[in-house]
Amino acid sequence: MQGFNKYYPPDYDDAKHKSLNAYRGKHALGDRARKIDQGILITRFELPFNIWCGTCNGHIGMGVRYNAEKKKIGMYYSTPIFSFRCKCHLCSGWFEIQTDPQNTRYVVVSGARKKEEDWDPAENGGFAVIDTEAKDEPVDPLAALEKSTDAQTHATKVQAPRLEQLEDLSEHYNADPYAHSRRARKRFRADKKEAQALADADARLKAKYGLPTELVLAPADDGAADAADAWVRGRAERAGEEAGKRRRLALAGPVLAPVPRASASGSVAPGAAASSLRERILANSARRVGASVASKKSANGLPGIALRKT
C-alpha cells in the first residue's frame, strides 16, 4: 500500500519553511530542476525525425528519447519558442533542436543534420501521384477582370463604410470615458429621484385611503391622467346640473303654502286644512328624495384607485 503521510521534523516551522521541500532545500521537481536558476528544465524529448549526428556521424532514428535541456529562447507573437539540447547516446556530442511556430515544425540548429527523405511512389514501385486539376487551362482575362472589379466594388461600397462605422462607434464609446460616466451617473440620479417621488406619492395615497402597504399601485400613465381629468370635469358638470335642478325645483314650487279661506263664522274648514297639510308633507318628501339621489350620485362618482396584486 502506498503511503501518503509525511514526516514533519520537530524543528519544522510552517511560517518559516512554508513546505517540506523548502525545509530540505529541494525543488518540487527534484533533480529535473537542478538548472532551474538558468531557466533550464530537464524534460523527456523524443526525436520528431531521423538525424545524423554531427560529432560521430552516426544515424539516430526517429522516436529515440533523450533527457533534454528545455529552455525558452524567444516568442513568436504569443507562442513561446523552445530549445531542446540533447546529448548523443553514441558519443559525447551535443545537438540542439528548436521549435518553429511560424512553420509548425522542428528545426535542427547545431550538432546534427536532418535526414532528407523525399519519398517518390513511382521510384518505389507504386503509382505516381497525378494532379487531376487542370492548371494549364488558359485564364479568361474578362472573367479575371470582372472578379477583380466585383471585389474592388465590394471593398469600396460595403467594407470601407462598415469599417468607418465601426471606427466611429469605437471612438464614440472610448473617446472620453469620464464624460460618458458622468452622463450615465447623472441619468441614474434623475431616474432614482423620480422613482423615489413615485414611491412617496404611493405611500401618501395608501395612508390617505387606508390601503395595505403590501399592495402595489398600478403605475401612472397618460391614459390614467386623462381619465382623472375627465372624471373631475364630469363631477363638476354633474354638480352644476344638480344645483340648477334644485334651483328650478325651488322656483317651480310655491313660495308660501296657500292659506285656506275661513268661513263666514271665522273657522277653517277641516277638509281644506287636511289638504294643505298633505301638500306640504308631499313637497317636503320630494325635496328629501331629490337630495338623497343627488348625494348618492356624487358618492358613486368618487375616483377609483387602480390596484394591482403583488
Protein backbone atom coordinates (compact mmCIF):
# COMPACT_ATOMS: atom_id res chain seq x y z
CA MET A 1 0.00 0.00 0.00
CA GLN A 2 1.31 3.41 -0.95
CA GLY A 3 1.87 5.77 1.94
CA PHE A 4 0.50 9.28 1.78
CA ASN A 5 1.62 10.57 5.17
CA LYS A 6 4.53 12.99 5.50
CA TYR A 7 7.03 13.24 8.31
CA TYR A 8 7.44 16.70 9.82
CA PRO A 9 10.63 17.03 11.92
CA PRO A 10 10.45 18.72 15.34
CA ASP A 11 12.26 21.86 14.17
CA TYR A 12 9.86 22.38 11.22
CA ASP A 13 8.16 25.78 11.31
CA ASP A 14 5.28 26.29 8.90
CA ALA A 15 5.54 30.09 8.98
CA LYS A 16 9.28 29.93 8.24
CA HIS A 17 9.67 27.00 5.86
CA LYS A 18 6.25 27.01 4.12
CA SER A 19 6.78 23.47 2.79
CA LEU A 20 8.90 20.34 3.34
CA ASN A 21 10.75 20.98 0.06
CA ALA A 22 11.83 24.39 1.31
CA TYR A 23 12.82 22.83 4.66
CA ARG A 24 15.04 20.28 2.93
CA GLY A 25 16.31 22.80 0.36
CA LYS A 26 14.94 20.89 -2.63
CA HIS A 27 12.75 21.79 -5.59
CA ALA A 28 9.36 20.19 -6.10
CA LEU A 29 10.54 18.72 -9.43
CA GLY A 30 13.56 17.17 -7.82
CA ASP A 31 16.72 16.57 -9.90
CA ARG A 32 14.95 17.77 -13.07
CA ALA A 33 15.19 21.33 -11.73
CA ARG A 34 18.90 21.31 -10.94
CA LYS A 35 19.45 24.04 -13.56
CA ILE A 36 16.24 25.92 -12.96
CA ASP A 37 18.20 29.00 -11.91
CA GLN A 38 19.47 29.18 -15.51
CA GLY A 39 15.98 28.81 -16.94
CA ILE A 40 16.66 25.17 -17.94
CA LEU A 41 14.33 22.29 -17.14
CA ILE A 42 15.26 18.66 -17.76
CA THR A 43 12.48 17.05 -19.75
CA ARG A 44 11.94 13.93 -21.83
CA PHE A 45 12.26 14.71 -25.55
CA GLU A 46 11.53 12.39 -28.49
CA LEU A 47 13.14 12.99 -31.87
CA PRO A 48 10.50 14.02 -34.44
CA PHE A 49 12.55 12.78 -37.44
CA ASN A 50 15.72 10.93 -38.39
CA ILE A 51 19.02 12.77 -37.96
CA TRP A 52 22.74 12.30 -38.48
CA CYS A 53 24.95 13.14 -35.53
CA GLY A 54 27.45 15.86 -36.38
CA THR A 55 30.13 14.52 -34.00
CA CYS A 56 30.21 10.78 -34.73
CA ASN A 57 28.24 10.90 -38.00
CA GLY A 58 26.01 8.17 -36.63
CA HIS A 59 22.40 7.68 -37.56
CA ILE A 60 19.77 8.35 -34.88
CA GLY A 61 16.29 7.16 -35.71
CA MET A 62 13.04 8.98 -35.22
CA GLY A 63 11.40 8.31 -31.84
CA VAL A 64 14.60 7.98 -29.81
CA ARG A 65 14.13 9.71 -26.44
CA TYR A 66 16.62 11.85 -24.55
CA ASN A 67 16.76 13.74 -21.29
CA ALA A 68 16.92 17.12 -22.98
CA GLU A 69 17.57 20.52 -21.52
CA LYS A 70 14.48 22.54 -22.32
CA LYS A 71 14.86 26.32 -22.43
CA LYS A 72 12.70 29.18 -23.64
CA ILE A 73 14.65 31.30 -26.12
CA GLY A 74 12.05 33.62 -27.66
CA MET A 75 8.48 34.32 -28.70
CA TYR A 76 6.59 34.17 -31.96
CA TYR A 77 3.71 36.54 -31.23
CA SER A 78 2.16 34.88 -28.15
CA THR A 79 3.71 31.41 -28.78
CA PRO A 80 6.97 30.64 -26.99
CA ILE A 81 9.95 29.20 -28.87
CA PHE A 82 11.70 26.34 -27.01
CA SER A 83 15.15 24.89 -27.46
CA PHE A 84 15.94 21.21 -26.70
CA ARG A 85 19.63 20.38 -26.14
CA CYS A 86 20.35 16.65 -26.18
CA LYS A 87 23.48 14.51 -25.74
CA CYS A 88 24.07 11.81 -28.34
CA HIS A 89 23.95 8.30 -26.89
CA LEU A 90 26.54 7.11 -29.43
CA CYS A 91 29.15 9.70 -28.46
CA SER A 92 29.56 12.70 -26.20
CA GLY A 93 28.41 15.21 -28.76
CA TRP A 94 25.58 17.62 -28.15
CA PHE A 95 22.96 18.68 -30.68
CA GLU A 96 20.19 21.25 -30.43
CA ILE A 97 16.69 21.27 -31.91
CA GLN A 98 14.32 24.23 -31.77
CA THR A 99 10.61 24.68 -32.37
CA ASP A 100 9.43 26.79 -35.31
CA PRO A 101 5.86 28.00 -34.59
CA GLN A 102 5.73 30.06 -37.76
CA ASN A 103 6.07 26.95 -39.97
CA THR A 104 4.76 24.43 -37.36
CA ARG A 105 7.84 22.23 -37.42
CA TYR A 106 11.15 21.41 -35.66
CA VAL A 107 14.47 22.76 -36.88
CA VAL A 108 17.94 21.28 -36.22
CA VAL A 109 20.11 24.21 -35.12
CA SER A 110 23.52 22.69 -34.35
CA GLY A 111 25.35 19.40 -33.70
CA ALA A 112 23.37 17.33 -36.23
CA ARG A 113 21.62 17.45 -39.57
CA LYS A 114 18.19 16.26 -40.62
CA LYS A 115 17.92 13.26 -42.90
CA GLU A 116 16.10 14.26 -46.07
CA GLU A 117 13.54 11.64 -47.06
CA ASP A 118 11.51 12.74 -50.04
CA TRP A 119 9.62 9.60 -50.91
CA ASP A 120 8.61 9.14 -54.54
CA PRO A 121 5.97 6.42 -55.01
CA ALA A 122 6.89 5.91 -58.67
CA GLU A 123 10.51 5.10 -57.76
CA ASN A 124 9.43 2.63 -55.09
CA GLY A 125 7.12 0.54 -57.25
CA GLY A 126 3.94 2.49 -56.57
CA PHE A 127 1.70 4.69 -58.61
CA ALA A 128 2.66 8.26 -59.31
CA VAL A 129 0.51 10.98 -57.91
CA ILE A 130 -1.30 12.78 -60.70
CA ASP A 131 -2.92 16.15 -60.24
CA THR A 132 -6.41 15.95 -61.67
CA GLU A 133 -6.99 19.68 -61.55
CA ALA A 134 -6.29 21.32 -64.88
CA LYS A 135 -3.85 24.12 -64.16
CA ASP A 136 -2.74 24.59 -67.75
CA GLU A 137 -6.08 25.90 -68.93
CA PRO A 138 -5.90 29.49 -70.16
CA VAL A 139 -7.34 32.06 -67.84
CA ASP A 140 -10.16 34.15 -69.23
CA PRO A 141 -8.99 37.77 -68.91
CA LEU A 142 -12.54 39.11 -68.90
CA ALA A 143 -13.55 36.78 -66.07
CA ALA A 144 -10.47 37.75 -64.07
CA LEU A 145 -11.22 41.44 -64.66
CA GLU A 146 -14.84 41.02 -63.65
CA LYS A 147 -13.85 39.19 -60.48
CA SER A 148 -11.31 41.84 -59.53
CA THR A 149 -13.83 44.60 -60.31
CA ASP A 150 -16.52 42.98 -58.16
CA ALA A 151 -14.05 42.57 -55.30
CA GLN A 152 -12.99 46.21 -55.58
CA THR A 153 -16.61 47.39 -55.68
CA HIS A 154 -17.48 45.31 -52.63
CA ALA A 155 -14.48 46.64 -50.77
CA THR A 156 -15.34 50.24 -51.66
CA LYS A 157 -19.10 50.21 -51.12
CA VAL A 158 -19.53 47.63 -48.35
CA GLN A 159 -16.35 47.01 -46.40
CA ALA A 160 -14.99 50.57 -46.25
CA PRO A 161 -18.24 52.16 -44.93
CA ARG A 162 -18.60 49.37 -42.41
CA LEU A 163 -15.07 49.91 -41.15
CA GLU A 164 -15.73 53.63 -40.85
CA GLN A 165 -18.90 52.95 -38.85
CA LEU A 166 -17.02 50.64 -36.52
CA GLU A 167 -14.27 53.23 -36.04
CA ASP A 168 -16.82 55.97 -35.31
CA LEU A 169 -18.63 53.70 -32.86
CA SER A 170 -15.39 52.80 -31.11
CA GLU A 171 -14.40 56.45 -30.88
CA HIS A 172 -17.86 57.35 -29.58
CA TYR A 173 -17.65 54.87 -26.71
CA ASN A 174 -13.94 55.15 -25.93
CA ALA A 175 -13.04 58.76 -26.68
CA ASP A 176 -13.79 60.20 -23.23
CA PRO A 177 -14.77 57.57 -20.65
CA TYR A 178 -15.05 60.16 -17.87
CA ALA A 179 -17.67 62.20 -19.76
CA HIS A 180 -19.67 59.06 -20.57
CA SER A 181 -19.50 58.04 -16.93
CA ARG A 182 -20.73 61.48 -15.82
CA ARG A 183 -23.70 61.32 -18.19
CA ALA A 184 -24.58 57.82 -17.05
CA ARG A 185 -24.39 58.76 -13.36
CA LYS A 186 -26.47 61.91 -13.95
CA ARG A 187 -29.18 59.92 -15.71
CA PHE A 188 -29.10 57.33 -12.94
CA ARG A 189 -29.57 60.01 -10.27
CA ALA A 190 -32.52 61.55 -12.15
CA ASP A 191 -34.19 58.13 -12.52
CA LYS A 192 -33.59 57.43 -8.84
CA LYS A 193 -35.19 60.72 -7.77
CA GLU A 194 -38.20 60.08 -10.00
CA ALA A 195 -38.64 56.58 -8.58
CA GLN A 196 -38.37 57.93 -5.02
CA ALA A 197 -41.00 60.61 -5.76
CA LEU A 198 -43.39 57.97 -7.14
CA ALA A 199 -42.82 55.79 -4.07
CA ASP A 200 -43.58 58.72 -1.74
CA ALA A 201 -46.77 59.55 -3.68
CA ASP A 202 -47.92 55.92 -3.46
CA ALA A 203 -47.23 55.88 0.27
CA ARG A 204 -49.26 59.06 0.82
CA LEU A 205 -52.15 57.66 -1.23
CA LYS A 206 -52.15 54.40 0.75
CA ALA A 207 -52.09 56.32 4.04
CA LYS A 208 -54.95 58.57 2.87
CA TYR A 209 -57.29 55.73 1.90
CA GLY A 210 -56.06 53.20 4.48
CA LEU A 211 -54.72 50.74 1.94
CA PRO A 212 -52.38 47.86 2.91
CA THR A 213 -48.72 48.65 2.48
CA GLU A 214 -48.02 45.38 0.65
CA LEU A 215 -50.27 46.33 -2.25
CA VAL A 216 -48.57 47.73 -5.33
CA LEU A 217 -50.41 50.53 -7.10
CA ALA A 218 -50.66 50.46 -10.85
CA PRO A 219 -48.13 52.78 -12.47
CA ALA A 220 -49.50 56.10 -13.62
CA ASP A 221 -49.65 56.69 -17.33
CA ASP A 222 -51.06 59.27 -19.74
CA GLY A 223 -54.34 57.39 -20.06
CA ALA A 224 -54.88 57.37 -16.30
CA ALA A 225 -54.13 61.10 -16.04
CA ASP A 226 -56.58 61.87 -18.87
CA ALA A 227 -59.22 59.72 -17.20
CA ALA A 228 -58.71 61.52 -13.88
CA ASP A 229 -59.10 64.92 -15.58
CA ALA A 230 -62.23 63.74 -17.36
CA TRP A 231 -63.64 62.47 -14.05
CA VAL A 232 -63.00 65.83 -12.35
CA ARG A 233 -64.69 67.69 -15.21
CA GLY A 234 -67.64 65.30 -15.22
CA ARG A 235 -68.05 65.63 -11.47
CA ALA A 236 -68.08 69.42 -11.73
CA GLU A 237 -70.64 69.25 -14.56
CA ARG A 238 -72.87 66.89 -12.57
CA ALA A 239 -72.64 69.13 -9.52
CA GLY A 240 -73.65 72.12 -11.66
CA GLU A 241 -76.56 70.21 -13.16
CA GLU A 242 -77.80 69.10 -9.73
CA ALA A 243 -77.56 72.65 -8.40
CA GLY A 244 -79.50 74.00 -11.41
CA LYS A 245 -82.12 71.31 -11.00
CA ARG A 246 -82.56 72.17 -7.32
CA ARG A 247 -82.91 75.84 -8.21
CA ARG A 248 -85.52 75.06 -10.87
CA LEU A 249 -87.48 72.89 -8.44
CA ALA A 250 -87.35 75.62 -5.83
CA LEU A 251 -88.55 78.22 -8.34
CA ALA A 252 -91.27 75.96 -9.74
CA GLY A 253 -92.80 75.26 -6.30
CA PRO A 254 -94.96 77.78 -4.40
CA VAL A 255 -93.09 80.18 -2.21
CA LEU A 256 -95.69 80.03 0.51
CA ALA A 257 -98.37 77.45 1.00
CA PRO A 258 -101.86 78.83 0.22
CA VAL A 259 -103.78 79.75 3.32
CA PRO A 260 -107.27 78.26 3.29
CA ARG A 261 -110.03 80.76 3.47
CA ALA A 262 -112.07 80.98 6.59
CA SER A 263 -115.77 80.52 6.58
CA ALA A 264 -118.22 83.19 7.50
CA SER A 265 -118.10 82.02 11.09
CA GLY A 266 -114.30 82.62 11.17
CA SER A 267 -113.18 78.93 11.29
CA VAL A 268 -111.19 77.00 8.69
CA ALA A 269 -112.87 74.07 7.06
CA PRO A 270 -111.41 70.70 8.19
CA GLY A 271 -111.10 69.37 4.60
CA ALA A 272 -109.15 72.40 3.42
CA ALA A 273 -106.71 72.18 6.35
CA ALA A 274 -106.04 68.47 5.71
CA SER A 275 -105.37 69.03 2.01
CA SER A 276 -102.96 71.88 2.78
CA LEU A 277 -101.07 69.73 5.31
CA ARG A 278 -100.85 66.83 2.82
CA GLU A 279 -99.43 69.09 0.12
CA ARG A 280 -96.72 70.36 2.44
CA ILE A 281 -95.77 66.82 3.52
CA LEU A 282 -95.55 65.65 -0.11
CA ALA A 283 -93.40 68.66 -1.06
CA ASN A 284 -91.02 68.01 1.84
CA SER A 285 -90.77 64.31 0.92
CA ALA A 286 -89.97 65.17 -2.72
CA ARG A 287 -87.22 67.53 -1.65
CA ARG A 288 -85.67 64.88 0.67
CA VAL A 289 -85.75 62.22 -2.08
CA GLY A 290 -84.12 64.62 -4.55
CA ALA A 291 -81.39 65.48 -2.04
CA SER A 292 -80.68 61.79 -1.28
CA VAL A 293 -80.47 60.92 -5.02
CA ALA A 294 -78.03 63.78 -5.61
CA SER A 295 -75.82 62.67 -2.70
CA LYS A 296 -75.76 59.06 -3.97
CA LYS A 297 -74.75 60.17 -7.44
CA SER A 298 -71.93 62.30 -6.09
CA ALA A 299 -70.76 59.41 -3.85
CA ASN A 300 -70.75 57.00 -6.81
CA GLY A 301 -68.59 59.46 -8.76
CA LEU A 302 -65.58 59.12 -6.40
CA PRO A 303 -62.27 58.44 -8.20
CA GLY A 304 -61.38 54.80 -8.44
CA ILE A 305 -57.98 53.51 -7.35
CA ALA A 306 -56.32 51.02 -9.67
CA LEU A 307 -54.82 48.24 -7.57
CA ARG A 308 -52.52 45.52 -8.71
CA LYS A 309 -51.88 42.32 -6.81
CA THR A 310 -48.33 41.55 -5.95
